[in-house]
Amino acid sequence: MKIVLLEPLAVKEEVLNKLSQDLLEMGHEFIAYNKVEKDEEVLKERVKDADILIIANSPLNGNVIRAANNLKYISIAFTGFDHVDLEACKERGIRVSNAQGYATEAVAELTIAMIISLLRNIIPSDKVVRQSGTKEGLVGNELNGKVVGIVGTGAIGLKVAELLKVFHCKLLGYSRSESPKAKELGIKYVSLDQLLSQSDIVSLHLPLNDNTKGLISEEKIKLMKKNALLINTARGPVLDSKALAAALNSGDIGGAAIDVFESEPPISSDHPLFHSRNTLVTPHIAFATEESMVKRANIVFDNVYSWIKGEEKNIVL
């Protein structure tokens, strides 16, 4: 079979060579492209004879999928899979898997870093001290004992909760299903409205789908405390960016840290959250650590080997 890696996996060449070696020894053809390609016609040419595709988080539309006449399986080196046209995959009977779990620690750690950065005014403090300023107006708050609402209690949400326990936080949770582990960690499940109105900090950890798109709307943001912080390391479209920016600028909530947007970076400079007060933004880096990239590569190749052997893993379609 022909296996095509459509984009780099952000691991060293020796790691990629080691992971693909067994494929070559099994008699399969393996081709790896080391640059992201956006031109649809070039992508069609790259996939046309592929039996298996490996991709990360670059969009894979239906036109490209339909151009891959031999395609039987896609292994996504990412947790989310909303960037792949699943309808086109269904049409063709193409199986799809993801790399769930590779970035659990990475995303959770960045979430905690963002919370502390906002609470302790780390970014503005850095700017002030470089300008010979003082702590005037920069006295912050402690994370210890705060009420934190976790929206989405999957693996990442639970890891965040586990880290927050060290700070003796009171934990509230909202999810489509209640997790026994969440209850063991002391998470109290409440309605979304209750979570938003009672939390000092709200952290989003839910997938993007028809039910979650726009979930944190203008109406929901208005329920939050005046000094509350909102953290989004999940998916950009789960919240209304314009409404959030307006609430931040009017002082209706205290601050926000945003790692994800409506599209992948680069983001236009006129994005509303680039012009809102007390807002920390990062270019979708929550998942991106050296350790998580190696974990991701291992998972995605293990998915491929398992599929070839007829033992499917991490199937999402």
Protein backbone atom coordinates (compact mmCIF):
# COMPACT_ATOMS: atom_id res chain seq x y z
CA MET A 1 0.00 0.00 0.00
CA LYS A 2 0.98 3.61 -0.47
CA ILE A 3 1.03 5.67 2.74
CA VAL A 4 1.35 9.43 2.36
CA LEU A 5 2.18 11.87 5.16
CA LEU A 6 0.74 15.10 3.78
CA GLU A 7 2.39 17.51 6.22
CA PRO A 8 5.21 17.53 8.80
CA LEU A 9 4.56 16.13 12.27
CA ALA A 10 7.01 18.47 14.03
CA VAL A 11 9.32 15.67 15.12
CA LYS A 12 12.96 15.07 14.33
CA GLU A 13 13.77 13.15 11.15
CA GLU A 14 15.21 10.25 13.09
CA VAL A 15 11.92 9.84 14.99
CA LEU A 16 9.94 9.78 11.74
CA ASN A 17 12.38 7.33 10.17
CA LYS A 18 12.13 4.98 13.15
CA LEU A 19 8.32 5.09 13.15
CA SER A 20 8.03 4.45 9.41
CA GLN A 21 10.74 1.77 9.21
CA ASP A 22 8.36 -1.14 9.81
CA LEU A 23 6.10 0.08 7.01
CA LEU A 24 8.98 -0.13 4.56
CA GLU A 25 10.02 -3.55 5.86
CA MET A 26 6.44 -4.76 5.38
CA GLY A 27 6.74 -3.79 1.72
CA HIS A 28 4.63 -0.64 1.82
CA GLU A 29 5.56 2.63 0.14
CA PHE A 30 5.91 5.63 2.48
CA ILE A 31 6.12 9.23 1.25
CA ALA A 32 6.48 12.18 3.65
CA TYR A 33 6.08 15.81 2.67
CA ASN A 34 7.94 18.28 4.87
CA LYS A 35 5.94 21.42 4.05
CA VAL A 36 2.27 22.27 4.45
CA GLU A 37 0.60 22.60 1.06
CA LYS A 38 -2.54 24.70 0.63
CA ASP A 39 -2.98 24.53 -3.14
CA GLU A 40 -5.84 22.14 -3.84
CA GLU A 41 -4.50 20.91 -7.16
CA VAL A 42 -1.13 20.07 -5.64
CA LEU A 43 -2.85 18.21 -2.81
CA LYS A 44 -4.94 16.25 -5.30
CA GLU A 45 -1.78 15.16 -7.07
CA ARG A 46 -0.17 14.10 -3.80
CA VAL A 47 -3.12 11.95 -2.66
CA LYS A 48 -4.30 10.48 -5.96
CA ASP A 49 -2.67 7.04 -5.50
CA ALA A 50 -2.62 6.92 -1.70
CA ASP A 51 -4.25 4.07 0.21
CA ILE A 52 -3.57 5.75 3.57
CA LEU A 53 -3.19 9.42 4.44
CA ILE A 54 -1.59 10.86 7.55
CA ILE A 55 -2.42 14.49 8.28
CA ALA A 56 -2.18 16.87 11.24
CA ASN A 57 -4.43 19.93 11.55
CA SER A 58 -4.36 21.31 8.01
CA PRO A 59 -7.80 21.29 6.32
CA LEU A 60 -8.60 18.32 4.11
CA ASN A 61 -11.63 19.12 1.98
CA GLY A 62 -13.99 16.88 0.04
CA ASN A 63 -12.50 17.69 -3.35
CA VAL A 64 -9.10 16.42 -2.28
CA ILE A 65 -10.57 13.34 -0.59
CA ARG A 66 -12.62 12.46 -3.69
CA ALA A 67 -9.49 12.79 -5.84
CA ALA A 68 -7.84 10.00 -3.85
CA ASN A 69 -9.30 7.04 -5.75
CA ASN A 70 -7.54 4.38 -3.68
CA LEU A 71 -7.98 6.02 -0.28
CA LYS A 72 -9.24 3.70 2.43
CA TYR A 73 -8.03 5.21 5.70
CA ILE A 74 -7.00 8.59 7.19
CA SER A 75 -4.94 8.81 10.37
CA ILE A 76 -5.25 12.29 11.87
CA ALA A 77 -2.37 13.44 14.04
CA PHE A 78 -4.64 15.65 16.09
CA THR A 79 -7.40 15.30 18.67
CA GLY A 80 -9.99 17.33 16.75
CA PHE A 81 -11.20 16.18 13.34
CA ASP A 82 -13.54 19.00 12.30
CA HIS A 83 -10.96 20.10 9.69
CA VAL A 84 -11.61 16.93 7.66
CA ASP A 85 -14.66 16.59 5.41
CA LEU A 86 -16.21 13.57 7.08
CA GLU A 87 -19.17 13.57 4.70
CA ALA A 88 -16.82 12.92 1.79
CA CYS A 89 -15.23 10.15 3.83
CA LYS A 90 -18.64 8.60 4.50
CA GLU A 91 -19.45 8.70 0.79
CA ARG A 92 -16.33 6.70 0.03
CA GLY A 93 -16.40 4.43 3.07
CA ILE A 94 -13.08 5.80 4.28
CA ARG A 95 -12.21 5.05 7.89
CA VAL A 96 -10.80 7.85 10.04
CA SER A 97 -8.92 7.85 13.34
CA ASN A 98 -7.49 10.58 15.54
CA ALA A 99 -4.66 10.91 18.06
CA GLN A 100 -6.70 11.55 21.14
CA GLY A 101 -4.73 11.95 24.34
CA TYR A 102 -1.36 13.04 23.01
CA ALA A 103 -1.65 16.62 24.28
CA THR A 104 -3.57 16.15 27.52
CA GLU A 105 -0.70 17.26 29.75
CA ALA A 106 0.43 20.02 27.38
CA VAL A 107 -2.99 21.66 27.11
CA ALA A 108 -3.69 21.34 30.82
CA GLU A 109 -0.36 22.91 31.75
CA LEU A 110 -0.88 25.87 29.42
CA THR A 111 -4.37 26.35 30.86
CA ILE A 112 -2.91 26.69 34.36
CA ALA A 113 -0.17 28.99 33.05
CA MET A 114 -2.77 31.25 31.43
CA ILE A 115 -4.85 31.42 34.59
CA ILE A 116 -1.88 32.36 36.74
CA SER A 117 -0.60 34.83 34.14
CA LEU A 118 -3.93 36.68 34.21
CA LEU A 119 -4.34 36.53 37.98
CA ARG A 120 -0.81 37.83 38.63
CA ASN A 121 -0.64 40.32 35.71
CA ILE A 122 2.54 38.71 34.40
CA ILE A 123 2.41 40.12 30.85
CA PRO A 124 1.70 43.76 31.84
CA SER A 125 4.21 43.47 34.72
CA ASP A 126 6.93 42.47 32.28
CA LYS A 127 6.13 45.51 30.13
CA VAL A 128 6.05 47.90 33.08
CA VAL A 129 9.34 46.84 34.62
CA ARG A 130 11.08 47.21 31.24
CA GLN A 131 9.81 50.81 31.24
CA SER A 132 11.22 51.49 34.72
CA GLY A 133 7.78 51.20 36.31
CA THR A 134 6.59 49.74 39.60
CA LYS A 135 3.87 47.35 40.84
CA GLU A 136 1.37 50.21 41.05
CA GLY A 137 -1.94 48.93 39.71
CA LEU A 138 -0.54 45.43 39.19
CA VAL A 139 -1.29 43.78 42.52
CA GLY A 140 -2.90 40.51 41.52
CA ASN A 141 -4.92 37.64 42.97
CA GLU A 142 -4.16 34.12 44.13
CA LEU A 143 -5.46 31.00 42.42
CA ASN A 144 -5.67 29.28 45.79
CA GLY A 145 -9.28 28.65 46.82
CA LYS A 146 -10.91 30.05 43.68
CA VAL A 147 -14.07 28.54 42.19
CA VAL A 148 -13.17 27.13 38.78
CA GLY A 149 -15.79 25.97 36.31
CA ILE A 150 -14.64 23.33 33.83
CA VAL A 151 -16.80 23.14 30.73
CA GLY A 152 -16.14 19.70 29.27
CA THR A 153 -14.86 16.98 31.59
CA GLY A 154 -13.02 14.79 29.12
CA ALA A 155 -9.37 13.84 29.54
CA ILE A 156 -8.04 17.41 29.30
CA GLY A 157 -10.70 18.91 31.54
CA LEU A 158 -9.99 16.26 34.16
CA LYS A 159 -6.23 16.86 33.96
CA VAL A 160 -6.86 20.57 34.52
CA ALA A 161 -9.02 19.68 37.52
CA GLU A 162 -6.26 17.44 38.88
CA LEU A 163 -3.74 20.30 38.68
CA LEU A 164 -6.19 22.75 40.22
CA LYS A 165 -6.63 20.50 43.25
CA VAL A 166 -3.08 21.46 44.25
CA PHE A 167 -4.35 25.03 44.60
CA HIS A 168 -7.32 23.94 46.74
CA CYS A 169 -9.79 25.21 44.17
CA LYS A 170 -13.50 24.47 44.35
CA LEU A 171 -14.39 22.71 41.10
CA LEU A 172 -17.64 22.93 39.16
CA GLY A 173 -18.28 20.92 36.01
CA TYR A 174 -20.57 20.94 33.01
CA SER A 175 -20.55 18.17 30.42
CA ARG A 176 -22.94 16.14 28.30
CA SER A 177 -22.14 13.13 30.50
CA GLU A 178 -20.93 12.93 34.08
CA SER A 179 -17.58 11.26 34.71
CA PRO A 180 -17.00 9.09 37.80
CA LYS A 181 -13.37 10.27 37.84
CA ALA A 182 -14.58 13.87 37.88
CA LYS A 183 -16.58 13.17 41.00
CA GLU A 184 -13.54 11.50 42.57
CA LEU A 185 -11.62 14.73 41.94
CA GLY A 186 -14.34 16.67 43.74
CA ILE A 187 -16.01 18.21 40.68
CA LYS A 188 -19.62 19.15 41.35
CA TYR A 189 -21.76 18.96 38.22
CA VAL A 190 -24.12 21.88 37.70
CA SER A 191 -25.99 23.47 34.81
CA LEU A 192 -24.00 25.67 32.42
CA ASP A 193 -25.80 28.76 33.71
CA GLN A 194 -24.94 27.88 37.30
CA LEU A 195 -21.31 27.23 36.41
CA LEU A 196 -20.94 30.55 34.60
CA SER A 197 -22.59 32.57 37.35
CA GLN A 198 -20.75 30.95 40.26
CA SER A 199 -17.21 30.56 38.89
CA ASP A 200 -14.27 32.92 39.40
CA ILE A 201 -12.58 31.22 36.44
CA VAL A 202 -14.22 29.38 33.54
CA SER A 203 -12.08 27.04 31.42
CA LEU A 204 -13.37 25.54 28.17
CA HIS A 205 -12.40 21.96 27.23
CA LEU A 206 -15.02 20.71 24.81
CA PRO A 207 -14.96 19.61 21.16
CA LEU A 208 -16.46 21.63 18.32
CA ASN A 209 -19.69 20.20 16.96
CA ASP A 210 -23.24 21.32 16.19
CA ASN A 211 -24.12 21.32 19.87
CA THR A 212 -21.10 23.29 21.09
CA LYS A 213 -20.69 25.88 18.32
CA GLY A 214 -21.49 29.28 19.84
CA LEU A 215 -22.26 27.68 23.21
CA ILE A 216 -20.63 30.55 25.11
CA SER A 217 -22.83 33.26 23.62
CA GLU A 218 -23.41 36.88 24.54
CA GLU A 219 -26.28 35.75 26.75
CA LYS A 220 -24.08 33.22 28.56
CA ILE A 221 -21.18 35.66 28.99
CA LYS A 222 -23.54 38.09 30.72
CA LEU A 223 -24.06 35.48 33.46
CA MET A 224 -20.41 35.60 34.49
CA LYS A 225 -19.03 37.53 37.48
CA LYS A 226 -17.61 41.00 36.91
CA ASN A 227 -14.11 39.85 37.86
CA ALA A 228 -14.31 36.38 36.28
CA LEU A 229 -11.72 35.03 33.88
CA LEU A 230 -12.51 33.00 30.76
CA ILE A 231 -9.93 30.57 29.33
CA ASN A 232 -10.31 28.92 25.93
CA THR A 233 -7.84 26.24 24.86
CA ALA A 234 -10.56 24.17 23.15
CA ARG A 235 -11.92 25.47 19.83
CA GLY A 236 -12.45 29.08 18.77
CA PRO A 237 -16.04 28.81 17.50
CA VAL A 238 -17.39 27.49 20.81
CA LEU A 239 -17.57 31.09 21.98
CA ASP A 240 -18.71 34.41 20.50
CA SER A 241 -15.49 36.42 20.17
CA LYS A 242 -17.26 39.73 19.51
CA ALA A 243 -19.46 39.33 22.56
CA LEU A 244 -16.47 38.37 24.70
CA ALA A 245 -14.46 41.38 23.51
CA ALA A 246 -17.40 43.68 24.24
CA ALA A 247 -17.79 42.24 27.75
CA LEU A 248 -14.08 42.66 28.43
CA ASN A 249 -14.02 46.26 27.23
CA SER A 250 -17.12 47.19 29.22
CA GLY A 251 -15.72 45.60 32.37
CA ASP A 252 -18.49 43.03 32.55
CA ILE A 253 -15.89 40.30 33.05
CA GLY A 254 -12.34 40.54 34.34
CA GLY A 255 -10.13 38.97 31.69
CA ALA A 256 -9.62 36.25 29.13
CA ALA A 257 -6.91 33.99 27.76
CA ILE A 258 -7.47 32.67 24.26
CA ASP A 259 -5.38 30.08 22.40
CA VAL A 260 -7.88 29.24 19.63
CA PHE A 261 -9.80 31.32 17.12
CA GLU A 262 -12.36 30.91 14.35
CA SER A 263 -9.54 29.90 12.01
CA GLU A 264 -5.92 28.86 12.38
CA PRO A 265 -3.25 31.58 12.79
CA PRO A 266 -2.19 33.90 11.33
CA ILE A 267 -5.21 35.86 12.56
CA SER A 268 -6.18 39.23 11.11
CA SER A 269 -5.01 42.18 13.20
CA ASP A 270 -8.58 43.48 13.38
CA HIS A 271 -9.80 40.48 15.38
CA PRO A 272 -11.93 41.87 18.25
CA LEU A 273 -9.96 40.03 20.95
CA PHE A 274 -6.77 41.78 19.87
CA HIS A 275 -8.33 45.05 21.01
CA SER A 276 -9.98 44.03 24.28
CA ARG A 277 -8.72 44.79 27.77
CA ASN A 278 -6.87 42.27 29.93
CA THR A 279 -6.74 39.68 27.17
CA LEU A 280 -3.91 37.19 26.70
CA VAL A 281 -3.73 35.57 23.26
CA THR A 282 -1.51 32.78 21.95
CA PRO A 283 -1.27 31.25 18.43
CA HIS A 284 -2.83 27.81 19.10
CA ILE A 285 0.15 26.47 21.02
CA ALA A 286 -1.60 24.60 23.83
CA PHE A 287 -0.89 21.20 22.27
CA ALA A 288 2.58 22.08 21.01
CA THR A 289 5.42 20.77 23.14
CA GLU A 290 8.35 18.61 22.07
CA GLU A 291 7.04 15.84 24.29
CA SER A 292 3.50 15.97 22.93
CA MET A 293 4.69 15.95 19.31
CA VAL A 294 6.59 12.71 19.90
CA LYS A 295 3.55 11.20 21.65
CA ARG A 296 1.37 12.30 18.74
CA ALA A 297 3.64 10.75 16.12
CA ASN A 298 3.73 7.47 18.02
CA ILE A 299 -0.05 7.36 18.32
CA VAL A 300 -0.72 8.20 14.69
CA PHE A 301 1.67 5.54 13.38
CA ASP A 302 0.35 2.99 15.87
CA ASN A 303 -3.12 3.74 14.46
CA VAL A 304 -1.83 3.02 10.96
CA TYR A 305 -0.14 -0.24 11.92
CA SER A 306 -3.27 -1.34 13.78
CA TRP A 307 -5.52 -0.55 10.83
CA ILE A 308 -3.29 -2.49 8.45
CA LYS A 309 -3.53 -5.48 10.80
CA GLY A 310 -7.32 -5.13 11.01
CA GLU A 311 -7.20 -3.99 14.63
CA GLU A 312 -8.61 -0.46 14.46
CA LYS A 313 -7.76 2.10 17.15
CA ASN A 314 -9.07 5.58 17.94
CA ILE A 315 -11.68 5.40 15.19
CA VAL A 316 -13.89 8.49 14.82
CA LEU A 317 -15.59 7.42 11.56
